Amino acid sequence: GRECGFVALHATVAAGDVDVCLLPEVPFALDPLFSHIKKVLDEQGHCLLVVAEGAGQEHFADVDLGKDASGNRRLPDIGCFLKEQASAWFKKRGRAVNIRYMDPSYQIRSVRANATDSIYC
């Protein structure tokens, strides 16, 4: 489900080049996260984050978007939030960064299933 980082974790392991993986099961603070990202950027010039859909919900404690048609709680968009917060964090420190945010939800849900998908079911 959305509150489990199973798909993000497996994608991270499979990719082999992810620098940070944020999962719903592990709360995180922004300043240490961005400090780590800065360190990675300093060392290799880029940083790749994978963020599970339900990650970081502790940063939206006062946000209630209601429920969807199935009765599930609507989750705020952690990707847009992180992009905005990271941009502000680096700007405050005088560092220009180019942040690209890709929401793969449509791609993940729109491809034909294959035999290896059975590990997710």
PDB file of N, CA and C in Angstrom:
ATOM      1  N   GLY A   1       0.809  -1.193   0.000  1.00  0.00           N
ATOM      2  CA  GLY A   1       0.000   0.000   0.000  1.00  0.00           C
ATOM      3  C   GLY A   1       0.851   1.254   0.000  1.00  0.00           C
ATOM      4  N   ARG A   2       0.180   2.374   0.071  1.00  0.00           N
ATOM      5  CA  ARG A   2       0.865   3.668   0.007  1.00  0.00           C
ATOM      6  C   ARG A   2       1.680   3.972   1.251  1.00  0.00           C
ATOM      7  N   GLU A   3       1.413   3.281   2.314  1.00  0.00           N
ATOM      8  CA  GLU A   3       2.149   3.518   3.548  1.00  0.00           C
ATOM      9  C   GLU A   3       3.237   2.474   3.774  1.00  0.00           C
ATOM     10  N   CYS A   4       3.626   1.830   2.687  1.00  0.00           N
ATOM     11  CA  CYS A   4       4.686   0.819   2.724  1.00  0.00           C
ATOM     12  C   CYS A   4       5.626   1.091   1.551  1.00  0.00           C
ATOM     13  N   GLY A   5       6.914   1.114   1.814  1.00  0.00           N
ATOM     14  CA  GLY A   5       7.893   1.469   0.786  1.00  0.00           C
ATOM     15  C   GLY A   5       8.434   0.299  -0.001  1.00  0.00           C
ATOM     16  N   PHE A   6       7.657  -0.769  -0.131  1.00  0.00           N
ATOM     17  CA  PHE A   6       8.123  -1.990  -0.788  1.00  0.00           C
ATOM     18  C   PHE A   6       8.587  -1.746  -2.229  1.00  0.00           C
ATOM     19  N   VAL A   7       7.769  -1.084  -3.027  1.00  0.00           N
ATOM     20  CA  VAL A   7       8.123  -0.866  -4.437  1.00  0.00           C
ATOM     21  C   VAL A   7       9.323   0.070  -4.556  1.00  0.00           C
ATOM     22  N   ALA A   8       9.326   1.145  -3.772  1.00  0.00           N
ATOM     23  CA  ALA A   8      10.449   2.089  -3.817  1.00  0.00           C
ATOM     24  C   ALA A   8      11.747   1.410  -3.398  1.00  0.00           C
ATOM     25  N   LEU A   9      11.672   0.587  -2.363  1.00  0.00           N
ATOM     26  CA  LEU A   9      12.865  -0.110  -1.888  1.00  0.00           C
ATOM     27  C   LEU A   9      13.391  -1.074  -2.945  1.00  0.00           C
ATOM     28  N   HIS A  10      12.517  -1.859  -3.550  1.00  0.00           N
ATOM     29  CA  HIS A  10      12.961  -2.804  -4.574  1.00  0.00           C
ATOM     30  C   HIS A  10      13.495  -2.080  -5.808  1.00  0.00           C
ATOM     31  N   ALA A  11      12.876  -0.974  -6.183  1.00  0.00           N
ATOM     32  CA  ALA A  11      13.376  -0.195  -7.321  1.00  0.00           C
ATOM     33  C   ALA A  11      14.753   0.368  -7.022  1.00  0.00           C
ATOM     34  N   THR A  12      14.964   0.798  -5.783  1.00  0.00           N
ATOM     35  CA  THR A  12      16.263   1.332  -5.365  1.00  0.00           C
ATOM     36  C   THR A  12      17.343   0.268  -5.452  1.00  0.00           C
ATOM     37  N   VAL A  13      17.046  -0.899  -4.927  1.00  0.00           N
ATOM     38  CA  VAL A  13      18.021  -1.996  -4.949  1.00  0.00           C
ATOM     39  C   VAL A  13      18.301  -2.424  -6.388  1.00  0.00           C
ATOM     40  N   ALA A  14      17.245  -2.516  -7.201  1.00  0.00           N
ATOM     41  CA  ALA A  14      17.408  -2.954  -8.588  1.00  0.00           C
ATOM     42  C   ALA A  14      18.214  -1.946  -9.402  1.00  0.00           C
ATOM     43  N   ALA A  15      18.005  -0.653  -9.155  1.00  0.00           N
ATOM     44  CA  ALA A  15      18.693   0.373  -9.938  1.00  0.00           C
ATOM     45  C   ALA A  15      20.188   0.396  -9.644  1.00  0.00           C
ATOM     46  N   GLY A  16      20.544   0.269  -8.393  1.00  0.00           N
ATOM     47  CA  GLY A  16      21.959   0.231  -8.032  1.00  0.00           C
ATOM     48  C   GLY A  16      22.670   1.565  -8.021  1.00  0.00           C
ATOM     49  N   ASP A  17      21.999   2.650  -8.404  1.00  0.00           N
ATOM     50  CA  ASP A  17      22.677   3.944  -8.425  1.00  0.00           C
ATOM     51  C   ASP A  17      21.913   5.029  -7.670  1.00  0.00           C
ATOM     52  N   VAL A  18      21.005   4.620  -6.802  1.00  0.00           N
ATOM     53  CA  VAL A  18      20.217   5.559  -6.005  1.00  0.00           C
ATOM     54  C   VAL A  18      21.028   5.970  -4.779  1.00  0.00           C
ATOM     55  N   ASP A  19      21.029   7.260  -4.496  1.00  0.00           N
ATOM     56  CA  ASP A  19      21.793   7.785  -3.362  1.00  0.00           C
ATOM     57  C   ASP A  19      20.971   7.877  -2.082  1.00  0.00           C
ATOM     58  N   VAL A  20      19.677   8.121  -2.208  1.00  0.00           N
ATOM     59  CA  VAL A  20      18.790   8.250  -1.048  1.00  0.00           C
ATOM     60  C   VAL A  20      17.453   7.617  -1.395  1.00  0.00           C
ATOM     61  N   CYS A  21      16.923   6.807  -0.483  1.00  0.00           N
ATOM     62  CA  CYS A  21      15.596   6.220  -0.653  1.00  0.00           C
ATOM     63  C   CYS A  21      14.786   6.567   0.596  1.00  0.00           C
ATOM     64  N   LEU A  22      13.677   7.261   0.392  1.00  0.00           N
ATOM     65  CA  LEU A  22      12.819   7.664   1.504  1.00  0.00           C
ATOM     66  C   LEU A  22      11.582   6.767   1.534  1.00  0.00           C
ATOM     67  N   LEU A  23      11.348   6.160   2.685  1.00  0.00           N
ATOM     68  CA  LEU A  23      10.262   5.199   2.856  1.00  0.00           C
ATOM     69  C   LEU A  23       9.284   5.674   3.926  1.00  0.00           C
ATOM     70  N   PRO A  24       8.014   5.309   3.814  1.00  0.00           N
ATOM     71  CA  PRO A  24       7.031   5.709   4.829  1.00  0.00           C
ATOM     72  C   PRO A  24       7.361   5.170   6.221  1.00  0.00           C
ATOM     73  N   GLU A  25       8.032   4.043   6.267  1.00  0.00           N
ATOM     74  CA  GLU A  25       8.334   3.406   7.548  1.00  0.00           C
ATOM     75  C   GLU A  25       9.433   4.115   8.337  1.00  0.00           C
ATOM     76  N   VAL A  26      10.144   5.033   7.688  1.00  0.00           N
ATOM     77  CA  VAL A  26      11.287   5.700   8.333  1.00  0.00           C
ATOM     78  C   VAL A  26      11.100   7.223   8.279  1.00  0.00           C
ATOM     79  N   PRO A  27      10.675   7.824   9.386  1.00  0.00           N
ATOM     80  CA  PRO A  27      10.532   9.291   9.412  1.00  0.00           C
ATOM     81  C   PRO A  27      11.890   9.967   9.203  1.00  0.00           C
ATOM     82  N   PHE A  28      11.865  11.161   8.650  1.00  0.00           N
ATOM     83  CA  PHE A  28      13.120  11.879   8.413  1.00  0.00           C
ATOM     84  C   PHE A  28      12.922  13.368   8.666  1.00  0.00           C
ATOM     85  N   ALA A  29      14.013  14.024   9.041  1.00  0.00           N
ATOM     86  CA  ALA A  29      14.038  15.479   9.199  1.00  0.00           C
ATOM     87  C   ALA A  29      14.665  16.082   7.948  1.00  0.00           C
ATOM     88  N   LEU A  30      14.196  17.243   7.568  1.00  0.00           N
ATOM     89  CA  LEU A  30      14.648  17.850   6.318  1.00  0.00           C
ATOM     90  C   LEU A  30      16.105  18.303   6.360  1.00  0.00           C
ATOM     91  N   ASP A  31      16.516  18.960   7.436  1.00  0.00           N
ATOM     92  CA  ASP A  31      17.878  19.498   7.469  1.00  0.00           C
ATOM     93  C   ASP A  31      18.948  18.404   7.328  1.00  0.00           C
ATOM     94  N   PRO A  32      18.868  17.313   8.084  1.00  0.00           N
ATOM     95  CA  PRO A  32      19.864  16.246   7.884  1.00  0.00           C
ATOM     96  C   PRO A  32      19.790  15.622   6.485  1.00  0.00           C
ATOM     97  N   LEU A  33      18.581  15.505   5.949  1.00  0.00           N
ATOM     98  CA  LEU A  33      18.425  14.967   4.591  1.00  0.00           C
ATOM     99  C   LEU A  33      19.136  15.857   3.581  1.00  0.00           C
ATOM    100  N   PHE A  34      18.866  17.151   3.643  1.00  0.00           N
ATOM    101  CA  PHE A  34      19.468  18.066   2.674  1.00  0.00           C
ATOM    102  C   PHE A  34      20.971  18.209   2.891  1.00  0.00           C
ATOM    103  N   SER A  35      21.418  18.096   4.124  1.00  0.00           N
ATOM    104  CA  SER A  35      22.862  18.111   4.386  1.00  0.00           C
ATOM    105  C   SER A  35      23.536  16.912   3.739  1.00  0.00           C
ATOM    106  N   HIS A  36      22.893  15.756   3.825  1.00  0.00           N
ATOM    107  CA  HIS A  36      23.434  14.554   3.180  1.00  0.00           C
ATOM    108  C   HIS A  36      23.437  14.717   1.657  1.00  0.00           C
ATOM    109  N   ILE A  37      22.358  15.250   1.128  1.00  0.00           N
ATOM    110  CA  ILE A  37      22.289  15.475  -0.322  1.00  0.00           C
ATOM    111  C   ILE A  37      23.405  16.425  -0.755  1.00  0.00           C
ATOM    112  N   LYS A  38      23.655  17.473   0.027  1.00  0.00           N
ATOM    113  CA  LYS A  38      24.748  18.403  -0.288  1.00  0.00           C
ATOM    114  C   LYS A  38      26.081  17.669  -0.326  1.00  0.00           C
ATOM    115  N   LYS A  39      26.306  16.796   0.642  1.00  0.00           N
ATOM    116  CA  LYS A  39      27.554  16.022   0.684  1.00  0.00           C
ATOM    117  C   LYS A  39      27.695  15.152  -0.567  1.00  0.00           C
ATOM    118  N   VAL A  40      26.608  14.496  -0.955  1.00  0.00           N
ATOM    119  CA  VAL A  40      26.633  13.656  -2.158  1.00  0.00           C
ATOM    120  C   VAL A  40      26.900  14.515  -3.392  1.00  0.00           C
ATOM    121  N   LEU A  41      26.250  15.670  -3.477  1.00  0.00           N
ATOM    122  CA  LEU A  41      26.478  16.568  -4.611  1.00  0.00           C
ATOM    123  C   LEU A  41      27.928  17.029  -4.666  1.00  0.00           C
ATOM    124  N   ASP A  42      28.497  17.345  -3.518  1.00  0.00           N
ATOM    125  CA  ASP A  42      29.900  17.774  -3.463  1.00  0.00           C
ATOM    126  C   ASP A  42      30.841  16.670  -3.945  1.00  0.00           C
ATOM    127  N   GLU A  43      30.504  15.425  -3.615  1.00  0.00           N
ATOM    128  CA  GLU A  43      31.379  14.305  -3.953  1.00  0.00           C
ATOM    129  C   GLU A  43      31.229  13.819  -5.387  1.00  0.00           C
ATOM    130  N   GLN A  44      29.982  13.780  -5.898  1.00  0.00           N
ATOM    131  CA  GLN A  44      29.802  13.172  -7.225  1.00  0.00           C
ATOM    132  C   GLN A  44      29.073  14.053  -8.228  1.00  0.00           C
ATOM    133  N   GLY A  45      28.625  15.229  -7.810  1.00  0.00           N
ATOM    134  CA  GLY A  45      28.028  16.171  -8.752  1.00  0.00           C
ATOM    135  C   GLY A  45      26.557  15.940  -9.040  1.00  0.00           C
ATOM    136  N   HIS A  46      25.992  14.883  -8.527  1.00  0.00           N
ATOM    137  CA  HIS A  46      24.558  14.615  -8.698  1.00  0.00           C
ATOM    138  C   HIS A  46      24.090  13.742  -7.535  1.00  0.00           C
ATOM    139  N   CYS A  47      22.778  13.724  -7.333  1.00  0.00           N
ATOM    140  CA  CYS A  47      22.203  12.907  -6.269  1.00  0.00           C
ATOM    141  C   CYS A  47      20.839  12.426  -6.731  1.00  0.00           C
ATOM    142  N   LEU A  48      20.623  11.133  -6.675  1.00  0.00           N
ATOM    143  CA  LEU A  48      19.366  10.538  -7.109  1.00  0.00           C
ATOM    144  C   LEU A  48      18.575  10.067  -5.896  1.00  0.00           C
ATOM    145  N   LEU A  49      17.363  10.592  -5.748  1.00  0.00           N
ATOM    146  CA  LEU A  49      16.470  10.208  -4.660  1.00  0.00           C
ATOM    147  C   LEU A  49      15.311   9.390  -5.216  1.00  0.00           C
ATOM    148  N   VAL A  50      14.929   8.373  -4.488  1.00  0.00           N
ATOM    149  CA  VAL A  50      13.699   7.642  -4.745  1.00  0.00           C
ATOM    150  C   VAL A  50      12.830   7.868  -3.525  1.00  0.00           C
ATOM    151  N   VAL A  51      11.594   8.307  -3.753  1.00  0.00           N
ATOM    152  CA  VAL A  51      10.711   8.641  -2.644  1.00  0.00           C
ATOM    153  C   VAL A  51       9.408   7.855  -2.798  1.00  0.00           C
ATOM    154  N   ALA A  52       9.114   7.035  -1.813  1.00  0.00           N
ATOM    155  CA  ALA A  52       7.859   6.287  -1.818  1.00  0.00           C
ATOM    156  C   ALA A  52       6.692   7.253  -1.633  1.00  0.00           C
ATOM    157  N   GLU A  53       5.550   6.906  -2.190  1.00  0.00           N
ATOM    158  CA  GLU A  53       4.374   7.778  -2.171  1.00  0.00           C
ATOM    159  C   GLU A  53       3.999   8.229  -0.753  1.00  0.00           C
ATOM    160  N   GLY A  54       4.059   7.354   0.216  1.00  0.00           N
ATOM    161  CA  GLY A  54       3.649   7.687   1.575  1.00  0.00           C
ATOM    162  C   GLY A  54       4.763   8.212   2.466  1.00  0.00           C
ATOM    163  N   ALA A  55       5.948   8.385   1.926  1.00  0.00           N
ATOM    164  CA  ALA A  55       7.079   8.862   2.736  1.00  0.00           C
ATOM    165  C   ALA A  55       6.856  10.302   3.196  1.00  0.00           C
ATOM    166  N   GLY A  56       7.403  10.624   4.356  1.00  0.00           N
ATOM    167  CA  GLY A  56       7.408  12.002   4.828  1.00  0.00           C
ATOM    168  C   GLY A  56       6.084  12.568   5.272  1.00  0.00           C
ATOM    169  N   GLN A  57       5.114  11.727   5.524  1.00  0.00           N
ATOM    170  CA  GLN A  57       3.800  12.246   5.914  1.00  0.00           C
ATOM    171  C   GLN A  57       3.836  12.964   7.263  1.00  0.00           C
ATOM    172  N   GLU A  58       4.895  12.740   8.046  1.00  0.00           N
ATOM    173  CA  GLU A  58       5.034  13.465   9.310  1.00  0.00           C
ATOM    174  C   GLU A  58       5.192  14.965   9.084  1.00  0.00           C
ATOM    175  N   HIS A  59       5.551  15.367   7.871  1.00  0.00           N
ATOM    176  CA  HIS A  59       5.692  16.789   7.546  1.00  0.00           C
ATOM    177  C   HIS A  59       4.358  17.425   7.174  1.00  0.00           C
ATOM    178  N   PHE A  60       3.298  16.627   7.147  1.00  0.00           N
ATOM    179  CA  PHE A  60       1.960  17.108   6.781  1.00  0.00           C
ATOM    180  C   PHE A  60       0.948  16.829   7.887  1.00  0.00           C
ATOM    181  N   ALA A  61       1.378  16.909   9.138  1.00  0.00           N
ATOM    182  CA  ALA A  61       0.514  16.540  10.265  1.00  0.00           C
ATOM    183  C   ALA A  61      -0.804  17.326  10.286  1.00  0.00           C
ATOM    184  N   ASP A  62      -0.794  18.561   9.850  1.00  0.00           N
ATOM    185  CA  ASP A  62      -2.002  19.394   9.898  1.00  0.00           C
ATOM    186  C   ASP A  62      -2.768  19.436   8.582  1.00  0.00           C
ATOM    187  N   VAL A  63      -2.394  18.597   7.629  1.00  0.00           N
ATOM    188  CA  VAL A  63      -3.029  18.615   6.314  1.00  0.00           C
ATOM    189  C   VAL A  63      -4.030  17.471   6.211  1.00  0.00           C
ATOM    190  N   ASP A  64      -5.272  17.814   5.867  1.00  0.00           N
ATOM    191  CA  ASP A  64      -6.302  16.803   5.660  1.00  0.00           C
ATOM    192  C   ASP A  64      -6.924  17.024   4.291  1.00  0.00           C
ATOM    193  N   LEU A  65      -6.627  16.129   3.356  1.00  0.00           N
ATOM    194  CA  LEU A  65      -7.157  16.232   1.995  1.00  0.00           C
ATOM    195  C   LEU A  65      -8.396  15.367   1.799  1.00  0.00           C
ATOM    196  N   GLY A  66      -8.910  14.833   2.884  1.00  0.00           N
ATOM    197  CA  GLY A  66     -10.101  13.999   2.791  1.00  0.00           C
ATOM    198  C   GLY A  66      -9.764  12.584   2.352  1.00  0.00           C
ATOM    199  N   LYS A  67     -10.760  11.912   1.823  1.00  0.00           N
ATOM    200  CA  LYS A  67     -10.602  10.523   1.399  1.00  0.00           C
ATOM    201  C   LYS A  67     -10.960  10.376  -0.072  1.00  0.00           C
ATOM    202  N   ASP A  68     -10.377   9.357  -0.706  1.00  0.00           N
ATOM    203  CA  ASP A  68     -10.710   9.089  -2.102  1.00  0.00           C
ATOM    204  C   ASP A  68     -11.986   8.244  -2.164  1.00  0.00           C
ATOM    205  N   ALA A  69     -12.385   7.846  -3.371  1.00  0.00           N
ATOM    206  CA  ALA A  69     -13.628   7.098  -3.560  1.00  0.00           C
ATOM    207  C   ALA A  69     -13.623   5.751  -2.846  1.00  0.00           C
ATOM    208  N   SER A  70     -12.452   5.211  -2.591  1.00  0.00           N
ATOM    209  CA  SER A  70     -12.336   3.919  -1.893  1.00  0.00           C
ATOM    210  C   SER A  70     -12.268   4.076  -0.383  1.00  0.00           C
ATOM    211  N   GLY A  71     -12.270   5.309   0.096  1.00  0.00           N
ATOM    212  CA  GLY A  71     -12.201   5.552   1.532  1.00  0.00           C
ATOM    213  C   GLY A  71     -10.790   5.680   2.079  1.00  0.00           C
ATOM    214  N   ASN A  72      -9.802   5.685   1.195  1.00  0.00           N
ATOM    215  CA  ASN A  72      -8.409   5.843   1.626  1.00  0.00           C
ATOM    216  C   ASN A  72      -8.083   7.326   1.807  1.00  0.00           C
ATOM    217  N   ARG A  73      -7.270   7.609   2.802  1.00  0.00           N
ATOM    218  CA  ARG A  73      -6.832   8.984   3.050  1.00  0.00           C
ATOM    219  C   ARG A  73      -6.027   9.491   1.857  1.00  0.00           C
ATOM    220  N   ARG A  74      -6.368  10.673   1.362  1.00  0.00           N
ATOM    221  CA  ARG A  74      -5.580  11.297   0.293  1.00  0.00           C
ATOM    222  C   ARG A  74      -4.288  11.827   0.904  1.00  0.00           C
ATOM    223  N   LEU A  75      -3.186  11.521   0.246  1.00  0.00           N
ATOM    224  CA  LEU A  75      -1.876  11.930   0.764  1.00  0.00           C
ATOM    225  C   LEU A  75      -1.379  13.183   0.055  1.00  0.00           C
ATOM    226  N   PRO A  76      -0.815  14.130   0.809  1.00  0.00           N
ATOM    227  CA  PRO A  76      -0.177  15.282   0.173  1.00  0.00           C
ATOM    228  C   PRO A  76       1.006  14.815  -0.688  1.00  0.00           C
ATOM    229  N   ASP A  77       1.354  15.597  -1.683  1.00  0.00           N
ATOM    230  CA  ASP A  77       2.412  15.231  -2.626  1.00  0.00           C
ATOM    231  C   ASP A  77       3.790  15.497  -2.019  1.00  0.00           C
ATOM    232  N   ILE A  78       4.431  14.441  -1.564  1.00  0.00           N
ATOM    233  CA  ILE A  78       5.744  14.566  -0.937  1.00  0.00           C
ATOM    234  C   ILE A  78       6.801  15.015  -1.943  1.00  0.00           C
ATOM    235  N   GLY A  79       6.662  14.623  -3.199  1.00  0.00           N
ATOM    236  CA  GLY A  79       7.651  14.994  -4.214  1.00  0.00           C
ATOM    237  C   GLY A  79       7.723  16.498  -4.425  1.00  0.00           C
ATOM    238  N   CYS A  80       6.567  17.124  -4.605  1.00  0.00           N
ATOM    239  CA  CYS A  80       6.535  18.586  -4.788  1.00  0.00           C
ATOM    240  C   CYS A  80       7.024  19.299  -3.533  1.00  0.00           C
ATOM    241  N   PHE A  81       6.627  18.794  -2.371  1.00  0.00           N
ATOM    242  CA  PHE A  81       7.062  19.371  -1.106  1.00  0.00           C
ATOM    243  C   PHE A  81       8.580  19.332  -0.987  1.00  0.00           C
ATOM    244  N   LEU A  82       9.180  18.172  -1.263  1.00  0.00           N
ATOM    245  CA  LEU A  82      10.641  18.045  -1.153  1.00  0.00           C
ATOM    246  C   LEU A  82      11.352  18.947  -2.150  1.00  0.00           C
ATOM    247  N   LYS A  83      10.822  19.043  -3.351  1.00  0.00           N
ATOM    248  CA  LYS A  83      11.447  19.908  -4.362  1.00  0.00           C
ATOM    249  C   LYS A  83      11.449  21.364  -3.889  1.00  0.00           C
ATOM    250  N   GLU A  84      10.314  21.825  -3.374  1.00  0.00           N
ATOM    251  CA  GLU A  84      10.226  23.209  -2.893  1.00  0.00           C
ATOM    252  C   GLU A  84      11.143  23.448  -1.697  1.00  0.00           C
ATOM    253  N   GLN A  85      11.122  22.529  -0.752  1.00  0.00           N
ATOM    254  CA  GLN A  85      11.940  22.688   0.454  1.00  0.00           C
ATOM    255  C   GLN A  85      13.436  22.611   0.135  1.00  0.00           C
ATOM    256  N   ALA A  86      13.819  21.696  -0.739  1.00  0.00           N
ATOM    257  CA  ALA A  86      15.230  21.570  -1.117  1.00  0.00           C
ATOM    258  C   ALA A  86      15.705  22.820  -1.855  1.00  0.00           C
ATOM    259  N   SER A  87      14.884  23.328  -2.757  1.00  0.00           N
ATOM    260  CA  SER A  87      15.242  24.554  -3.478  1.00  0.00           C
ATOM    261  C   SER A  87      15.496  25.698  -2.510  1.00  0.00           C
ATOM    262  N   ALA A  88      14.599  25.852  -1.544  1.00  0.00           N
ATOM    263  CA  ALA A  88      14.749  26.923  -0.556  1.00  0.00           C
ATOM    264  C   ALA A  88      15.981  26.697   0.324  1.00  0.00           C
ATOM    265  N   TRP A  89      16.228  25.449   0.717  1.00  0.00           N
ATOM    266  CA  TRP A  89      17.367  25.124   1.588  1.00  0.00           C
ATOM    267  C   TRP A  89      18.688  25.463   0.905  1.00  0.00           C
ATOM    268  N   PHE A  90      18.817  25.053  -0.356  1.00  0.00           N
ATOM    269  CA  PHE A  90      20.066  25.317  -1.077  1.00  0.00           C
ATOM    270  C   PHE A  90      20.205  26.805  -1.423  1.00  0.00           C
ATOM    271  N   LYS A  91      19.113  27.466  -1.771  1.00  0.00           N
ATOM    272  CA  LYS A  91      19.160  28.890  -2.087  1.00  0.00           C
ATOM    273  C   LYS A  91      19.625  29.683  -0.867  1.00  0.00           C
ATOM    274  N   LYS A  92      19.118  29.324   0.312  1.00  0.00           N
ATOM    275  CA  LYS A  92      19.504  29.996   1.550  1.00  0.00           C
ATOM    276  C   LYS A  92      21.000  29.875   1.802  1.00  0.00           C
ATOM    277  N   ARG A  93      21.598  28.815   1.311  1.00  0.00           N
ATOM    278  CA  ARG A  93      23.025  28.570   1.506  1.00  0.00           C
ATOM    279  C   ARG A  93      23.859  29.028   0.303  1.00  0.00           C
ATOM    280  N   GLY A  94      23.231  29.701  -0.637  1.00  0.00           N
ATOM    281  CA  GLY A  94      23.937  30.260  -1.780  1.00  0.00           C
ATOM    282  C   GLY A  94      24.387  29.255  -2.814  1.00  0.00           C
ATOM    283  N   ARG A  95      23.717  28.116  -2.869  1.00  0.00           N
ATOM    284  CA  ARG A  95      24.109  27.076  -3.815  1.00  0.00           C
ATOM    285  C   ARG A  95      23.030  26.901  -4.878  1.00  0.00           C
ATOM    286  N   ALA A  96      23.425  27.031  -6.122  1.00  0.00           N
ATOM    287  CA  ALA A  96      22.486  26.803  -7.227  1.00  0.00           C
ATOM    288  C   ALA A  96      22.396  25.305  -7.499  1.00  0.00           C
ATOM    289  N   VAL A  97      21.186  24.801  -7.539  1.00  0.00           N
ATOM    290  CA  VAL A  97      20.972  23.389  -7.852  1.00  0.00           C
ATOM    291  C   VAL A  97      19.877  23.270  -8.902  1.00  0.00           C
ATOM    292  N   ASN A  98      19.959  22.224  -9.675  1.00  0.00           N
ATOM    293  CA  ASN A  98      18.945  21.922 -10.686  1.00  0.00           C
ATOM    294  C   ASN A  98      18.207  20.679 -10.209  1.00  0.00           C
ATOM    295  N   ILE A  99      16.975  20.867  -9.753  1.00  0.00           N
ATOM    296  CA  ILE A  99      16.202  19.747  -9.205  1.00  0.00           C
ATOM    297  C   ILE A  99      15.166  19.315 -10.223  1.00  0.00           C
ATOM    298  N   ARG A 100      15.206  18.051 -10.564  1.00  0.00           N
ATOM    299  CA  ARG A 100      14.229  17.478 -11.490  1.00  0.00           C
ATOM    300  C   ARG A 100      13.345  16.518 -10.716  1.00  0.00           C
ATOM    301  N   TYR A 101      12.053  16.682 -10.872  1.00  0.00           N
ATOM    302  CA  TYR A 101      11.091  15.839 -10.170  1.00  0.00           C
ATOM    303  C   TYR A 101      10.271  15.073 -11.194  1.00  0.00           C
ATOM    304  N   MET A 102      10.323  13.767 -11.108  1.00  0.00           N
ATOM    305  CA  MET A 102       9.539  12.931 -12.015  1.00  0.00           C
ATOM    306  C   MET A 102       8.608  12.056 -11.188  1.00  0.00           C
ATOM    307  N   ASP A 103       7.321  12.163 -11.452  1.00  0.00           N
ATOM    308  CA  ASP A 103       6.330  11.338 -10.774  1.00  0.00           C
ATOM    309  C   ASP A 103       6.027  10.162 -11.694  1.00  0.00           C
ATOM    310  N   PRO A 104       6.538   8.987 -11.345  1.00  0.00           N
ATOM    311  CA  PRO A 104       6.386   7.839 -12.248  1.00  0.00           C
ATOM    312  C   PRO A 104       5.093   7.063 -12.061  1.00  0.00           C
ATOM    313  N   SER A 105       4.144   7.595 -11.288  1.00  0.00           N
ATOM    314  CA  SER A 105       2.957   6.801 -10.960  1.00  0.00           C
ATOM    315  C   SER A 105       2.224   6.323 -12.205  1.00  0.00           C
ATOM    316  N   TYR A 106       2.089   7.177 -13.214  1.00  0.00           N
ATOM    317  CA  TYR A 106       1.395   6.747 -14.424  1.00  0.00           C
ATOM    318  C   TYR A 106       2.188   5.652 -15.138  1.00  0.00           C
ATOM    319  N   GLN A 107       3.500   5.815 -15.249  1.00  0.00           N
ATOM    320  CA  GLN A 107       4.311   4.809 -15.925  1.00  0.00           C
ATOM    321  C   GLN A 107       4.253   3.471 -15.189  1.00  0.00           C
ATOM    322  N   ILE A 108       4.290   3.520 -13.869  1.00  0.00           N
ATOM    323  CA  ILE A 108       4.263   2.279 -13.093  1.00  0.00           C
ATOM    324  C   ILE A 108       2.939   1.560 -13.273  1.00  0.00           C
ATOM    325  N   ARG A 109       1.861   2.309 -13.315  1.00  0.00           N
ATOM    326  CA  ARG A 109       0.538   1.699 -13.374  1.00  0.00           C
ATOM    327  C   ARG A 109       0.047   1.438 -14.797  1.00  0.00           C
ATOM    328  N   SER A 110       0.813   1.832 -15.797  1.00  0.00           N
ATOM    329  CA  SER A 110       0.310   1.719 -17.151  1.00  0.00           C
ATOM    330  C   SER A 110       1.067   0.728 -18.034  1.00  0.00           C
ATOM    331  N   VAL A 111       2.050   0.061 -17.502  1.00  0.00           N
ATOM    332  CA  VAL A 111       2.786  -0.893 -18.324  1.00  0.00           C
ATOM    333  C   VAL A 111       2.222  -2.292 -18.150  1.00  0.00           C
ATOM    334  N   ARG A 112       2.399  -3.096 -19.159  1.00  0.00           N
ATOM    335  CA  ARG A 112       1.921  -4.468 -19.125  1.00  0.00           C
ATOM    336  C   ARG A 112       2.694  -5.268 -18.072  1.00  0.00           C
ATOM    337  N   ALA A 113       1.984  -6.064 -17.303  1.00  0.00           N
ATOM    338  CA  ALA A 113       2.615  -6.893 -16.284  1.00  0.00           C
ATOM    339  C   ALA A 113       3.433  -8.008 -16.930  1.00  0.00           C
ATOM    340  N   ASN A 114       4.489  -8.428 -16.255  1.00  0.00           N
ATOM    341  CA  ASN A 114       5.279  -9.550 -16.731  1.00  0.00           C
ATOM    342  C   ASN A 114       5.528 -10.520 -15.577  1.00  0.00           C
ATOM    343  N   ALA A 115       6.255 -11.579 -15.815  1.00  0.00           N
ATOM    344  CA  ALA A 115       6.433 -12.623 -14.815  1.00  0.00           C
ATOM    345  C   ALA A 115       7.103 -12.122 -13.535  1.00  0.00           C
ATOM    346  N   THR A 116       8.030 -11.178 -13.653  1.00  0.00           N
ATOM    347  CA  THR A 116       8.707 -10.706 -12.450  1.00  0.00           C
ATOM    348  C   THR A 116       7.804  -9.854 -11.570  1.00  0.00           C
ATOM    349  N   ASP A 117       6.701  -9.364 -12.103  1.00  0.00           N
ATOM    350  CA  ASP A 117       5.768  -8.589 -11.285  1.00  0.00           C
ATOM    351  C   ASP A 117       5.146  -9.434 -10.191  1.00  0.00           C
ATOM    352  N   SER A 118       5.205 -10.729 -10.301  1.00  0.00           N
ATOM    353  CA  SER A 118       4.584 -11.599  -9.300  1.00  0.00           C
ATOM    354  C   SER A 118       5.215 -11.432  -7.927  1.00  0.00           C
ATOM    355  N   ILE A 119       6.450 -10.916  -7.844  1.00  0.00           N
ATOM    356  CA  ILE A 119       7.060 -10.728  -6.528  1.00  0.00           C
ATOM    357  C   ILE A 119       6.373  -9.600  -5.768  1.00  0.00           C
ATOM    358  N   TYR A 120       5.647  -8.721  -6.465  1.00  0.00           N
ATOM    359  CA  TYR A 120       4.965  -7.618  -5.817  1.00  0.00           C
ATOM    360  C   TYR A 120       3.562  -7.995  -5.351  1.00  0.00           C
ATOM    361  N   CYS A 121       3.083  -9.166  -5.746  1.00  0.00           N
ATOM    362  CA  CYS A 121       1.701  -9.552  -5.417  1.00  0.00           C
ATOM    363  C   CYS A 121       1.659 -10.580  -4.309  1.00  0.00           C
TER     364      CYS A 121
END
